[in-house]
């Protein structure tokens, strides 16, 4: 049963992560491709799914457009999600896509280039080398399908934390709780120009959408257990996974116990700079402390959680 619940947690978390990435409208041939792919991070390695250790998943948002390779484009977003089944807790750790790091066999470059060079496996290797955290799975999402996934559950209730206006993403929100349709959620997820911290803030907002989806699922399931089928259908229409349906159904018993207010949403801190004429992010020493802390038990100690990158906008 613990294994089924853990696999269900993986599938549900991947569904939610798939709804934090942007969207473009693909041609019919591309639309037929899987919108979310989940694979074991290491061939021949079977992760412990009995609840004895955290489950670490690398969520990747591919920056591919319809005529580009999904697995060999720059990574548009990178998040480590840890699920701790025995404690009914989870944590989200965003890694800025412009982080200037060592890529095995490729020298030093922006971390998002690792997927361009070697697909998700090289990005996994790069993240593991950077953080010391061994990934159990990776999940790769594409842009297209975002609006359909949000719309399939009737929209997503989000507590917009501050005013957002960005002509580039299309965001135009006043602060407060509101129901976002697919296009609106897309604008929320992609807005970086109205955030003082840019991509750092955008990474945190992606985590906000994940937590909002968890909160909505938990509330809807408690009120009407049949809503589970709506969520599962919306996920499986857009997901390629080996997890069987009964494993995903078992997720209800895990998600209904996880308090979204207790989910940690952290972005690795750093500073912007230049290298070879391009803008980069230099991760700070505090980022390594955060990596080390998460590696131990999948969670972050309060003393190691940095201020929100959007702190100046929060009142």
C-alpha atoms as a PDB file:
ATOM      1  CA  UNK A   1       0.000   0.000   0.000  1.00  0.00           C
ATOM      2  CA  UNK A   2       2.821   2.426   0.837  1.00  0.00           C
ATOM      3  CA  UNK A   3       4.359   1.769  -2.584  1.00  0.00           C
ATOM      4  CA  UNK A   4       1.038   2.478  -4.294  1.00  0.00           C
ATOM      5  CA  UNK A   5       0.580   5.707  -2.381  1.00  0.00           C
ATOM      6  CA  UNK A   6       4.134   6.812  -3.177  1.00  0.00           C
ATOM      7  CA  UNK A   7       3.680   6.145  -6.886  1.00  0.00           C
ATOM      8  CA  UNK A   8       0.368   7.952  -6.789  1.00  0.00           C
ATOM      9  CA  UNK A   9       2.054  10.911  -5.137  1.00  0.00           C
ATOM     10  CA  UNK A  10       4.589  10.964  -7.951  1.00  0.00           C
ATOM     11  CA  UNK A  11       1.926  10.959 -10.638  1.00  0.00           C
ATOM     12  CA  UNK A  12      -0.184  13.620  -8.966  1.00  0.00           C
ATOM     13  CA  UNK A  13       2.775  15.868  -8.246  1.00  0.00           C
ATOM     14  CA  UNK A  14       3.821  15.545 -11.870  1.00  0.00           C
ATOM     15  CA  UNK A  15       0.319  16.492 -13.018  1.00  0.00           C
ATOM     16  CA  UNK A  16       0.463  19.602 -10.851  1.00  0.00           C
ATOM     17  CA  UNK A  17       3.945  20.514 -12.053  1.00  0.00           C
ATOM     18  CA  UNK A  18       2.709  20.200 -15.612  1.00  0.00           C
ATOM     19  CA  UNK A  19       0.294  23.001 -14.879  1.00  0.00           C
ATOM     20  CA  UNK A  20       3.016  25.448 -13.833  1.00  0.00           C
ATOM     21  CA  UNK A  21       4.627  25.731 -17.238  1.00  0.00           C
ATOM     22  CA  UNK A  22       3.677  27.954 -20.149  1.00  0.00           C
ATOM     23  CA  UNK A  23       1.828  27.034 -23.346  1.00  0.00           C
ATOM     24  CA  UNK A  24       1.950  27.565 -27.052  1.00  0.00           C
ATOM     25  CA  UNK A  25      -0.596  26.165 -29.478  1.00  0.00           C
ATOM     26  CA  UNK A  26       1.024  23.270 -31.341  1.00  0.00           C
ATOM     27  CA  UNK A  27       0.161  21.868 -34.746  1.00  0.00           C
ATOM     28  CA  UNK A  28      -1.861  18.615 -34.731  1.00  0.00           C
ATOM     29  CA  UNK A  29       1.219  16.389 -35.103  1.00  0.00           C
ATOM     30  CA  UNK A  30       2.840  17.902 -32.016  1.00  0.00           C
ATOM     31  CA  UNK A  31      -0.415  17.930 -30.071  1.00  0.00           C
ATOM     32  CA  UNK A  32      -0.473  14.149 -30.355  1.00  0.00           C
ATOM     33  CA  UNK A  33       2.790  13.868 -28.418  1.00  0.00           C
ATOM     34  CA  UNK A  34       2.761  13.156 -24.673  1.00  0.00           C
ATOM     35  CA  UNK A  35       2.583  16.407 -22.733  1.00  0.00           C
ATOM     36  CA  UNK A  36       4.260  14.988 -19.652  1.00  0.00           C
ATOM     37  CA  UNK A  37       6.858  12.241 -19.424  1.00  0.00           C
ATOM     38  CA  UNK A  38       8.014  10.548 -16.218  1.00  0.00           C
ATOM     39  CA  UNK A  39      11.045   8.251 -16.085  1.00  0.00           C
ATOM     40  CA  UNK A  40      13.296   6.735 -13.461  1.00  0.00           C
ATOM     41  CA  UNK A  41      16.348   8.919 -13.051  1.00  0.00           C
ATOM     42  CA  UNK A  42      18.783   5.991 -13.153  1.00  0.00           C
ATOM     43  CA  UNK A  43      18.549   2.838 -15.248  1.00  0.00           C
ATOM     44  CA  UNK A  44      18.481  -0.267 -13.103  1.00  0.00           C
ATOM     45  CA  UNK A  45      17.913   1.746  -9.927  1.00  0.00           C
ATOM     46  CA  UNK A  46      14.591   1.091  -8.219  1.00  0.00           C
ATOM     47  CA  UNK A  47      13.767   3.892  -5.772  1.00  0.00           C
ATOM     48  CA  UNK A  48      12.563   2.974  -2.302  1.00  0.00           C
ATOM     49  CA  UNK A  49       8.840   3.680  -2.375  1.00  0.00           C
ATOM     50  CA  UNK A  50       7.964   2.205   1.008  1.00  0.00           C
ATOM     51  CA  UNK A  51       8.059   5.534   2.799  1.00  0.00           C
ATOM     52  CA  UNK A  52      11.455   4.815   4.369  1.00  0.00           C
ATOM     53  CA  UNK A  53      13.073   7.767   2.579  1.00  0.00           C
ATOM     54  CA  UNK A  54      12.010  10.877   0.687  1.00  0.00           C
ATOM     55  CA  UNK A  55      11.189  10.653  -2.997  1.00  0.00           C
ATOM     56  CA  UNK A  56      13.137  13.179  -5.070  1.00  0.00           C
ATOM     57  CA  UNK A  57      11.815  14.198  -8.465  1.00  0.00           C
ATOM     58  CA  UNK A  58      13.422  16.626 -10.889  1.00  0.00           C
ATOM     59  CA  UNK A  59      10.697  18.572 -12.665  1.00  0.00           C
ATOM     60  CA  UNK A  60      11.787  20.108 -15.944  1.00  0.00           C
ATOM     61  CA  UNK A  61       9.868  22.512 -18.099  1.00  0.00           C
ATOM     62  CA  UNK A  62      11.184  22.240 -21.640  1.00  0.00           C
ATOM     63  CA  UNK A  63      11.563  25.491 -23.537  1.00  0.00           C
ATOM     64  CA  UNK A  64      10.931  23.708 -26.836  1.00  0.00           C
ATOM     65  CA  UNK A  65       8.594  25.191 -29.403  1.00  0.00           C
ATOM     66  CA  UNK A  66       6.445  22.952 -31.629  1.00  0.00           C
ATOM     67  CA  UNK A  67       9.166  22.445 -34.245  1.00  0.00           C
ATOM     68  CA  UNK A  68      11.929  21.739 -31.712  1.00  0.00           C
ATOM     69  CA  UNK A  69      13.074  18.682 -29.799  1.00  0.00           C
ATOM     70  CA  UNK A  70      11.370  18.541 -26.416  1.00  0.00           C
ATOM     71  CA  UNK A  71      14.200  16.620 -24.761  1.00  0.00           C
ATOM     72  CA  UNK A  72      17.052  18.569 -26.349  1.00  0.00           C
ATOM     73  CA  UNK A  73      15.997  22.180 -25.885  1.00  0.00           C
ATOM     74  CA  UNK A  74      16.987  24.578 -23.132  1.00  0.00           C
ATOM     75  CA  UNK A  75      15.229  23.873 -19.849  1.00  0.00           C
ATOM     76  CA  UNK A  76      12.794  26.704 -19.150  1.00  0.00           C
ATOM     77  CA  UNK A  77      12.230  25.818 -15.493  1.00  0.00           C
ATOM     78  CA  UNK A  78      13.943  23.467 -13.050  1.00  0.00           C
ATOM     79  CA  UNK A  79      12.494  22.370  -9.706  1.00  0.00           C
ATOM     80  CA  UNK A  80      13.367  19.640  -7.258  1.00  0.00           C
ATOM     81  CA  UNK A  81      10.266  18.311  -5.496  1.00  0.00           C
ATOM     82  CA  UNK A  82      10.659  16.070  -2.484  1.00  0.00           C
ATOM     83  CA  UNK A  83       7.768  14.003  -1.163  1.00  0.00           C
ATOM     84  CA  UNK A  84       7.972  12.605   2.376  1.00  0.00           C
ATOM     85  CA  UNK A  85       5.079  10.104   2.582  1.00  0.00           C
ATOM     86  CA  UNK A  86       5.477   9.204   6.261  1.00  0.00           C
ATOM     87  CA  UNK A  87       5.252  12.848   7.354  1.00  0.00           C
ATOM     88  CA  UNK A  88       2.653  13.850   4.748  1.00  0.00           C
ATOM     89  CA  UNK A  89       4.918  16.737   3.783  1.00  0.00           C
ATOM     90  CA  UNK A  90       6.614  18.006   0.662  1.00  0.00           C
ATOM     91  CA  UNK A  91       9.115  20.644  -0.395  1.00  0.00           C
ATOM     92  CA  UNK A  92       9.761  22.546  -3.615  1.00  0.00           C
ATOM     93  CA  UNK A  93      13.214  23.859  -4.487  1.00  0.00           C
ATOM     94  CA  UNK A  94      13.544  26.032  -7.572  1.00  0.00           C
ATOM     95  CA  UNK A  95      16.912  26.330  -9.305  1.00  0.00           C
ATOM     96  CA  UNK A  96      17.265  29.458 -11.453  1.00  0.00           C
ATOM     97  CA  UNK A  97      17.598  28.427 -15.090  1.00  0.00           C
ATOM     98  CA  UNK A  98      20.554  30.812 -15.612  1.00  0.00           C
ATOM     99  CA  UNK A  99      22.608  29.326 -12.760  1.00  0.00           C
ATOM    100  CA  UNK A 100      26.231  29.145 -13.929  1.00  0.00           C
ATOM    101  CA  UNK A 101      27.408  25.651 -12.997  1.00  0.00           C
ATOM    102  CA  UNK A 102      29.640  22.808 -14.053  1.00  0.00           C
ATOM    103  CA  UNK A 103      27.982  20.531 -16.613  1.00  0.00           C
ATOM    104  CA  UNK A 104      29.660  17.102 -16.747  1.00  0.00           C
ATOM    105  CA  UNK A 105      31.669  16.803 -19.964  1.00  0.00           C
ATOM    106  CA  UNK A 106      30.702  20.288 -21.117  1.00  0.00           C
ATOM    107  CA  UNK A 107      32.538  22.701 -18.841  1.00  0.00           C
ATOM    108  CA  UNK A 108      30.809  25.616 -17.126  1.00  0.00           C
ATOM    109  CA  UNK A 109      27.591  27.010 -18.557  1.00  0.00           C
ATOM    110  CA  UNK A 110      24.043  27.927 -17.673  1.00  0.00           C
ATOM    111  CA  UNK A 111      22.343  24.937 -16.080  1.00  0.00           C
ATOM    112  CA  UNK A 112      19.486  25.033 -18.586  1.00  0.00           C
ATOM    113  CA  UNK A 113      21.944  24.142 -21.365  1.00  0.00           C
ATOM    114  CA  UNK A 114      22.515  20.694 -19.837  1.00  0.00           C
ATOM    115  CA  UNK A 115      19.284  19.399 -21.342  1.00  0.00           C
ATOM    116  CA  UNK A 116      20.166  20.872 -24.737  1.00  0.00           C
ATOM    117  CA  UNK A 117      23.481  19.007 -24.670  1.00  0.00           C
ATOM    118  CA  UNK A 118      22.360  15.681 -23.249  1.00  0.00           C
ATOM    119  CA  UNK A 119      18.627  15.587 -22.633  1.00  0.00           C
ATOM    120  CA  UNK A 120      17.044  15.053 -19.215  1.00  0.00           C
ATOM    121  CA  UNK A 121      19.704  12.476 -18.156  1.00  0.00           C
ATOM    122  CA  UNK A 122      22.500  15.070 -18.384  1.00  0.00           C
ATOM    123  CA  UNK A 123      20.384  17.652 -16.576  1.00  0.00           C
ATOM    124  CA  UNK A 124      19.757  15.093 -13.823  1.00  0.00           C
ATOM    125  CA  UNK A 125      23.491  14.419 -13.606  1.00  0.00           C
ATOM    126  CA  UNK A 126      24.215  18.150 -13.464  1.00  0.00           C
ATOM    127  CA  UNK A 127      21.670  18.802 -10.711  1.00  0.00           C
ATOM    128  CA  UNK A 128      22.922  15.838  -8.707  1.00  0.00           C
ATOM    129  CA  UNK A 129      26.500  17.066  -9.010  1.00  0.00           C
ATOM    130  CA  UNK A 130      25.448  20.546  -7.927  1.00  0.00           C
ATOM    131  CA  UNK A 131      23.227  19.578  -4.995  1.00  0.00           C
ATOM    132  CA  UNK A 132      24.437  16.159  -3.868  1.00  0.00           C
ATOM    133  CA  UNK A 133      20.821  14.964  -4.014  1.00  0.00           C
ATOM    134  CA  UNK A 134      20.191  11.704  -5.877  1.00  0.00           C
ATOM    135  CA  UNK A 135      17.080  11.961  -8.024  1.00  0.00           C
ATOM    136  CA  UNK A 136      14.610   9.091  -8.097  1.00  0.00           C
ATOM    137  CA  UNK A 137      12.629  10.317 -11.097  1.00  0.00           C
ATOM    138  CA  UNK A 138      12.562  13.072 -13.635  1.00  0.00           C
ATOM    139  CA  UNK A 139       9.406  14.542 -15.104  1.00  0.00           C
ATOM    140  CA  UNK A 140       9.508  16.540 -18.328  1.00  0.00           C
ATOM    141  CA  UNK A 141       6.722  18.876 -19.374  1.00  0.00           C
ATOM    142  CA  UNK A 142       6.116  20.774 -22.582  1.00  0.00           C
ATOM    143  CA  UNK A 143       4.490  24.178 -23.049  1.00  0.00           C
ATOM    144  CA  UNK A 144       1.420  22.971 -24.906  1.00  0.00           C
ATOM    145  CA  UNK A 145      -1.451  21.513 -22.967  1.00  0.00           C
ATOM    146  CA  UNK A 146      -1.162  23.888 -20.015  1.00  0.00           C
ATOM    147  CA  UNK A 147      -4.463  25.662 -20.559  1.00  0.00           C
ATOM    148  CA  UNK A 148      -6.316  22.406 -21.264  1.00  0.00           C
ATOM    149  CA  UNK A 149      -5.052  20.851 -18.029  1.00  0.00           C
ATOM    150  CA  UNK A 150      -6.192  23.811 -15.942  1.00  0.00           C
ATOM    151  CA  UNK A 151      -9.498  24.093 -17.766  1.00  0.00           C
ATOM    152  CA  UNK A 152     -10.164  20.359 -17.375  1.00  0.00           C
ATOM    153  CA  UNK A 153     -10.587  20.865 -13.622  1.00  0.00           C
ATOM    154  CA  UNK A 154     -12.661  24.011 -14.033  1.00  0.00           C
ATOM    155  CA  UNK A 155      -9.839  26.452 -13.355  1.00  0.00           C
ATOM    156  CA  UNK A 156      -7.471  26.898 -10.434  1.00  0.00           C
ATOM    157  CA  UNK A 157      -8.112  28.959  -7.310  1.00  0.00           C
ATOM    158  CA  UNK A 158      -5.000  31.021  -6.590  1.00  0.00           C
ATOM    159  CA  UNK A 159      -4.282  33.569  -3.888  1.00  0.00           C
ATOM    160  CA  UNK A 160      -2.463  36.158  -6.002  1.00  0.00           C
ATOM    161  CA  UNK A 161      -0.052  37.662  -3.457  1.00  0.00           C
ATOM    162  CA  UNK A 162       0.496  41.047  -5.104  1.00  0.00           C
ATOM    163  CA  UNK A 163      -0.508  43.100  -8.119  1.00  0.00           C
ATOM    164  CA  UNK A 164       0.944  41.776 -11.372  1.00  0.00           C
ATOM    165  CA  UNK A 165       0.993  43.603 -14.701  1.00  0.00           C
ATOM    166  CA  UNK A 166       3.247  42.333 -17.448  1.00  0.00           C
ATOM    167  CA  UNK A 167       2.466  42.884 -21.114  1.00  0.00           C
ATOM    168  CA  UNK A 168       4.968  40.207 -22.153  1.00  0.00           C
ATOM    169  CA  UNK A 169       3.192  37.393 -20.286  1.00  0.00           C
ATOM    170  CA  UNK A 170      -0.258  38.954 -20.325  1.00  0.00           C
ATOM    171  CA  UNK A 171      -0.585  39.053 -16.554  1.00  0.00           C
ATOM    172  CA  UNK A 172      -2.968  41.657 -15.159  1.00  0.00           C
ATOM    173  CA  UNK A 173      -3.985  40.767 -11.620  1.00  0.00           C
ATOM    174  CA  UNK A 174      -4.926  42.539  -8.461  1.00  0.00           C
ATOM    175  CA  UNK A 175      -3.986  40.778  -5.217  1.00  0.00           C
ATOM    176  CA  UNK A 176      -6.458  38.359  -3.670  1.00  0.00           C
ATOM    177  CA  UNK A 177      -8.061  34.955  -4.074  1.00  0.00           C
ATOM    178  CA  UNK A 178      -9.395  34.361  -7.576  1.00  0.00           C
ATOM    179  CA  UNK A 179     -10.240  31.546  -9.971  1.00  0.00           C
ATOM    180  CA  UNK A 180      -7.835  31.468 -12.898  1.00  0.00           C
ATOM    181  CA  UNK A 181      -8.648  29.795 -16.192  1.00  0.00           C
ATOM    182  CA  UNK A 182      -5.885  28.225 -18.229  1.00  0.00           C
ATOM    183  CA  UNK A 183      -4.775  31.365 -20.033  1.00  0.00           C
ATOM    184  CA  UNK A 184      -4.762  33.407 -16.841  1.00  0.00           C
ATOM    185  CA  UNK A 185      -2.792  30.783 -14.938  1.00  0.00           C
ATOM    186  CA  UNK A 186      -0.331  30.756 -17.831  1.00  0.00           C
ATOM    187  CA  UNK A 187       0.166  34.504 -17.514  1.00  0.00           C
ATOM    188  CA  UNK A 188       0.694  34.155 -13.747  1.00  0.00           C
ATOM    189  CA  UNK A 189       3.291  31.426 -14.266  1.00  0.00           C
ATOM    190  CA  UNK A 190       5.276  33.276 -16.934  1.00  0.00           C
ATOM    191  CA  UNK A 191       5.332  36.773 -15.446  1.00  0.00           C
ATOM    192  CA  UNK A 192       8.847  37.880 -14.567  1.00  0.00           C
ATOM    193  CA  UNK A 193       8.972  41.443 -15.813  1.00  0.00           C
ATOM    194  CA  UNK A 194       6.726  42.813 -13.078  1.00  0.00           C
ATOM    195  CA  UNK A 195       8.799  41.061 -10.395  1.00  0.00           C
ATOM    196  CA  UNK A 196      11.866  42.882  -9.013  1.00  0.00           C
ATOM    197  CA  UNK A 197      13.713  39.573  -8.693  1.00  0.00           C
ATOM    198  CA  UNK A 198      12.841  38.432 -12.226  1.00  0.00           C
ATOM    199  CA  UNK A 199      13.306  34.685 -12.740  1.00  0.00           C
ATOM    200  CA  UNK A 200      13.883  34.120  -9.025  1.00  0.00           C
ATOM    201  CA  UNK A 201      10.380  35.438  -8.395  1.00  0.00           C
ATOM    202  CA  UNK A 202       8.923  33.524 -11.320  1.00  0.00           C
ATOM    203  CA  UNK A 203      10.369  30.295  -9.940  1.00  0.00           C
ATOM    204  CA  UNK A 204       8.661  30.924  -6.618  1.00  0.00           C
ATOM    205  CA  UNK A 205       5.362  31.686  -8.353  1.00  0.00           C
ATOM    206  CA  UNK A 206       5.571  28.329 -10.146  1.00  0.00           C
ATOM    207  CA  UNK A 207       5.729  26.774  -6.690  1.00  0.00           C
ATOM    208  CA  UNK A 208       2.686  28.808  -5.680  1.00  0.00           C
ATOM    209  CA  UNK A 209       0.685  27.226  -8.498  1.00  0.00           C
ATOM    210  CA  UNK A 210       1.739  23.745  -7.431  1.00  0.00           C
ATOM    211  CA  UNK A 211       0.644  24.440  -3.860  1.00  0.00           C
ATOM    212  CA  UNK A 212      -2.610  26.003  -5.079  1.00  0.00           C
ATOM    213  CA  UNK A 213      -3.378  22.881  -7.099  1.00  0.00           C
ATOM    214  CA  UNK A 214      -2.698  20.676  -4.068  1.00  0.00           C
ATOM    215  CA  UNK A 215      -4.932  22.850  -1.875  1.00  0.00           C
ATOM    216  CA  UNK A 216      -7.756  22.787  -4.413  1.00  0.00           C
ATOM    217  CA  UNK A 217      -7.503  19.029  -4.866  1.00  0.00           C
ATOM    218  CA  UNK A 218      -7.565  18.456  -1.107  1.00  0.00           C
ATOM    219  CA  UNK A 219     -10.583  20.722  -0.615  1.00  0.00           C
ATOM    220  CA  UNK A 220     -12.555  19.308  -3.528  1.00  0.00           C
ATOM    221  CA  UNK A 221     -11.841  15.708  -2.555  1.00  0.00           C
ATOM    222  CA  UNK A 222     -12.972  16.319   1.038  1.00  0.00           C
ATOM    223  CA  UNK A 223     -16.237  17.830  -0.219  1.00  0.00           C
ATOM    224  CA  UNK A 224     -16.889  15.349  -3.030  1.00  0.00           C
ATOM    225  CA  UNK A 225     -14.642  12.276  -3.394  1.00  0.00           C
ATOM    226  CA  UNK A 226     -15.836  11.765  -6.981  1.00  0.00           C
ATOM    227  CA  UNK A 227     -13.815  14.858  -7.983  1.00  0.00           C
ATOM    228  CA  UNK A 228     -10.763  12.594  -7.819  1.00  0.00           C
ATOM    229  CA  UNK A 229     -11.842  11.063 -11.131  1.00  0.00           C
ATOM    230  CA  UNK A 230     -11.951  14.493 -12.793  1.00  0.00           C
ATOM    231  CA  UNK A 231      -8.406  15.244 -11.678  1.00  0.00           C
ATOM    232  CA  UNK A 232      -7.133  11.818 -12.698  1.00  0.00           C
ATOM    233  CA  UNK A 233      -8.749  12.105 -16.128  1.00  0.00           C
ATOM    234  CA  UNK A 234      -7.249  15.555 -16.657  1.00  0.00           C
ATOM    235  CA  UNK A 235      -3.841  14.286 -15.699  1.00  0.00           C
ATOM    236  CA  UNK A 236      -3.809  11.079 -17.702  1.00  0.00           C
ATOM    237  CA  UNK A 237      -4.981  12.789 -20.872  1.00  0.00           C
ATOM    238  CA  UNK A 238      -1.710  14.702 -20.783  1.00  0.00           C
ATOM    239  CA  UNK A 239       0.668  12.265 -19.101  1.00  0.00           C
ATOM    240  CA  UNK A 240       2.862   9.373 -20.125  1.00  0.00           C
ATOM    241  CA  UNK A 241       3.611   7.275 -17.076  1.00  0.00           C
ATOM    242  CA  UNK A 242       3.977   3.645 -16.127  1.00  0.00           C
ATOM    243  CA  UNK A 243       2.112   4.169 -12.850  1.00  0.00           C
ATOM    244  CA  UNK A 244      -1.161   2.203 -13.075  1.00  0.00           C
ATOM    245  CA  UNK A 245      -4.507   3.856 -12.499  1.00  0.00           C
ATOM    246  CA  UNK A 246      -5.093   2.249  -9.105  1.00  0.00           C
ATOM    247  CA  UNK A 247      -1.845   3.807  -7.883  1.00  0.00           C
ATOM    248  CA  UNK A 248      -3.067   7.252  -8.899  1.00  0.00           C
ATOM    249  CA  UNK A 249      -6.438   6.669  -7.224  1.00  0.00           C
ATOM    250  CA  UNK A 250      -4.594   5.822  -4.004  1.00  0.00           C
ATOM    251  CA  UNK A 251      -3.197   9.344  -4.019  1.00  0.00           C
ATOM    252  CA  UNK A 252      -6.431  10.681  -2.521  1.00  0.00           C
ATOM    253  CA  UNK A 253      -5.473   9.261   0.848  1.00  0.00           C
ATOM    254  CA  UNK A 254      -2.060  10.936   0.741  1.00  0.00           C
ATOM    255  CA  UNK A 255      -3.057  14.344  -0.641  1.00  0.00           C
ATOM    256  CA  UNK A 256      -5.997  14.639   1.719  1.00  0.00           C
ATOM    257  CA  UNK A 257      -3.525  14.480   4.619  1.00  0.00           C
ATOM    258  CA  UNK A 258      -0.911  16.909   3.296  1.00  0.00           C
ATOM    259  CA  UNK A 259      -1.465  20.436   4.548  1.00  0.00           C
ATOM    260  CA  UNK A 260      -0.601  22.770   1.654  1.00  0.00           C
ATOM    261  CA  UNK A 261       0.311  25.479   4.173  1.00  0.00           C
ATOM    262  CA  UNK A 262       3.131  23.237   5.346  1.00  0.00           C
ATOM    263  CA  UNK A 263       4.644  22.697   1.894  1.00  0.00           C
ATOM    264  CA  UNK A 264       7.967  24.514   1.688  1.00  0.00           C
ATOM    265  CA  UNK A 265       8.494  26.644  -1.425  1.00  0.00           C
ATOM    266  CA  UNK A 266      12.124  27.732  -1.732  1.00  0.00           C
ATOM    267  CA  UNK A 267      14.239  29.197  -4.524  1.00  0.00           C
ATOM    268  CA  UNK A 268      18.012  28.738  -4.438  1.00  0.00           C
ATOM    269  CA  UNK A 269      19.424  32.221  -3.793  1.00  0.00           C
ATOM    270  CA  UNK A 270      22.088  33.911  -5.855  1.00  0.00           C
ATOM    271  CA  UNK A 271      23.100  37.081  -7.641  1.00  0.00           C
ATOM    272  CA  UNK A 272      23.021  38.053 -11.283  1.00  0.00           C
ATOM    273  CA  UNK A 273      26.237  38.664 -13.209  1.00  0.00           C
ATOM    274  CA  UNK A 274      27.867  38.351 -16.606  1.00  0.00           C
ATOM    275  CA  UNK A 275      30.070  35.674 -18.185  1.00  0.00           C
ATOM    276  CA  UNK A 276      31.218  35.754 -21.785  1.00  0.00           C
ATOM    277  CA  UNK A 277      28.808  38.559 -22.540  1.00  0.00           C
ATOM    278  CA  UNK A 278      25.715  36.721 -21.297  1.00  0.00           C
ATOM    279  CA  UNK A 279      23.639  37.216 -18.176  1.00  0.00           C
ATOM    280  CA  UNK A 280      24.061  34.479 -15.574  1.00  0.00           C
ATOM    281  CA  UNK A 281      23.167  33.644 -11.980  1.00  0.00           C
ATOM    282  CA  UNK A 282      25.901  32.948  -9.459  1.00  0.00           C
ATOM    283  CA  UNK A 283      24.413  30.781  -6.726  1.00  0.00           C
ATOM    284  CA  UNK A 284      25.336  31.890  -3.217  1.00  0.00           C
ATOM    285  CA  UNK A 285      26.947  29.825  -0.480  1.00  0.00           C
ATOM    286  CA  UNK A 286      23.539  29.700   1.187  1.00  0.00           C
ATOM    287  CA  UNK A 287      22.283  27.699  -1.774  1.00  0.00           C
ATOM    288  CA  UNK A 288      24.691  24.891  -0.890  1.00  0.00           C
ATOM    289  CA  UNK A 289      23.423  24.929   2.701  1.00  0.00           C
ATOM    290  CA  UNK A 290      19.890  24.546   1.360  1.00  0.00           C
ATOM    291  CA  UNK A 291      20.940  21.646  -0.885  1.00  0.00           C
ATOM    292  CA  UNK A 292      22.667  19.882   2.013  1.00  0.00           C
ATOM    293  CA  UNK A 293      19.626  20.325   4.253  1.00  0.00           C
ATOM    294  CA  UNK A 294      17.168  18.936   1.711  1.00  0.00           C
ATOM    295  CA  UNK A 295      19.422  15.963   0.999  1.00  0.00           C
ATOM    296  CA  UNK A 296      19.119  14.764   4.611  1.00  0.00           C
ATOM    297  CA  UNK A 297      15.363  14.260   4.918  1.00  0.00           C
ATOM    298  CA  UNK A 298      13.686  15.971   1.969  1.00  0.00           C
ATOM    299  CA  UNK A 299      12.743  19.050   3.977  1.00  0.00           C
ATOM    300  CA  UNK A 300      14.280  22.391   4.892  1.00  0.00           C
ATOM    301  CA  UNK A 301      15.003  23.597   8.411  1.00  0.00           C
ATOM    302  CA  UNK A 302      13.367  26.944   9.105  1.00  0.00           C
ATOM    303  CA  UNK A 303      16.746  28.495   9.828  1.00  0.00           C
ATOM    304  CA  UNK A 304      17.907  27.669   6.301  1.00  0.00           C
ATOM    305  CA  UNK A 305      14.887  28.970   4.384  1.00  0.00           C
ATOM    306  CA  UNK A 306      15.898  32.224   2.664  1.00  0.00           C
ATOM    307  CA  UNK A 307      13.630  35.253   2.327  1.00  0.00           C
ATOM    308  CA  UNK A 308      11.133  35.145  -0.499  1.00  0.00           C
ATOM    309  CA  UNK A 309      12.576  36.589  -3.720  1.00  0.00           C
ATOM    310  CA  UNK A 310       9.283  38.481  -3.931  1.00  0.00           C
ATOM    311  CA  UNK A 311       9.619  39.823  -0.379  1.00  0.00           C
ATOM    312  CA  UNK A 312       9.572  43.462  -1.506  1.00  0.00           C
ATOM    313  CA  UNK A 313       6.113  42.929  -3.028  1.00  0.00           C
ATOM    314  CA  UNK A 314       4.622  41.145  -0.016  1.00  0.00           C
ATOM    315  CA  UNK A 315       2.975  43.293   2.630  1.00  0.00           C
END
